[in-house]
């Protein structure tokens, strides 16, 4: 019972199994070896004491009751994409929400989503109903982690973060209560759930979001710049990405050879998008070809969604640029000599900045760019990939700013708490102490980690 409190007692797995409507999988049980695996295979050495397949809120209540009693580590898992596998605690209890995946689009345009739903399931329901909710581009990501960390997405400059569309959430708190958090009920908890990170304040069992009518026409686009162009592209793209109309959202992927893959989506006709891209190309001084297509919303989802392996071995980190960078060549140069690392840069602003930096727990309103150093392990040694990603994020902190996106939490970032939550950290810790005074929901990068 790693981390168990003094006086804790051994878990009563047989009793918990008898009370659950879903399965409880222990080491040696059929299905355990598959159910225990996190998405990031670098953490396959995590061996949970048990995986509880929770089909009802009552199942979650039983799990948290056992965690309080025994002191066993506990964490909720939606899609399992936690970069550091925090949702798969070693020697802990995984509260697996995958069975709670029902999605319902209501006649009034709201959508009710079970906490275990994956983005692919939600997109399918939205397109069938002709509605739109700003979501990420990895179909296997779970709705819970995406929403609770804020929710970067490929339409964010037009429709805001995923958490900005949240209307209410059903939450099981550490003491076993099932609460509804909304602007009028448990407002502090509701505030914390919108960007305060997953697993800090309770286990969400369902969400309700406001949607908008699906756009009738979007333009997806891509521009590929050759090796060595990164400094010029980044120097022109960052101010361009912040100044274009809110209808345009874009991402730059910078490769170690200095080539850049610019992709994006505009809720606008192709002619309007081409005029904006022409300005960018003029500023870059390049004649790179523009690939674009006018498509409907379901097609855009397919284009903007990134095919992912069932599981992957990777390292990722994060920095947020609060201001325009003064040395784009140095930003591009962070990848020099690091053959496996990509730099994924998202343009922020637009609808993301409509709430104030304290309206929700997501603190980076007003920031210009999100930067994500990312590397798949592949044939390279994991230790080398880890070192190189860490080196890049440290250099970026010096060049662009120290902000961190909580959904890309990096265990090697010593400043993660202050930079992920910033001015909202004291309030988040007060909310966490209120709803989890006994620190049941504790993990290495939780809001209450390191506090007493």
Foldseek 3Di string as FASTA:
>chain_A
DPQADPPADDFDVVVLQVPAPFHKDAPPDPPQLVVLQAQANVVSVARERIETAHQDLVSQLSQLVRCVRRVFAEAEDALRVQQVSLQRHRNHYRDYLLNQADWDQDPVQKIKGFQNHFQLVNLVRCVVVQWDAFAAQARSDTPQQCFQQAADGQLCLPPNHNVVFWAWWWFQFSNGDTFIEGCVGVPLVSQNSGRVGGLQGTHTGMTMGHIGGFQFKKKKKKWKFDFPLQLLLLLLVLVLLAPDASQKKKKWKAAQRGIIIIIGMGSDDPVSVVVSVVVSCVSSVDDTDMDMDMDGRVVVSVVRHDDDDSHFHKAKWKDFFLDRFPGSVVLSVLSHPVRFKMKMKIAHHRPNQPDALSSHQQRRRNTGMMIMIMGTCPPHDPVSRLVSNVSSLVSCCVGGNGATRNSNDHPVDPCHQCRNRPPCLVSSVVSSCVRCVVPSSDDCPHSCHPHD
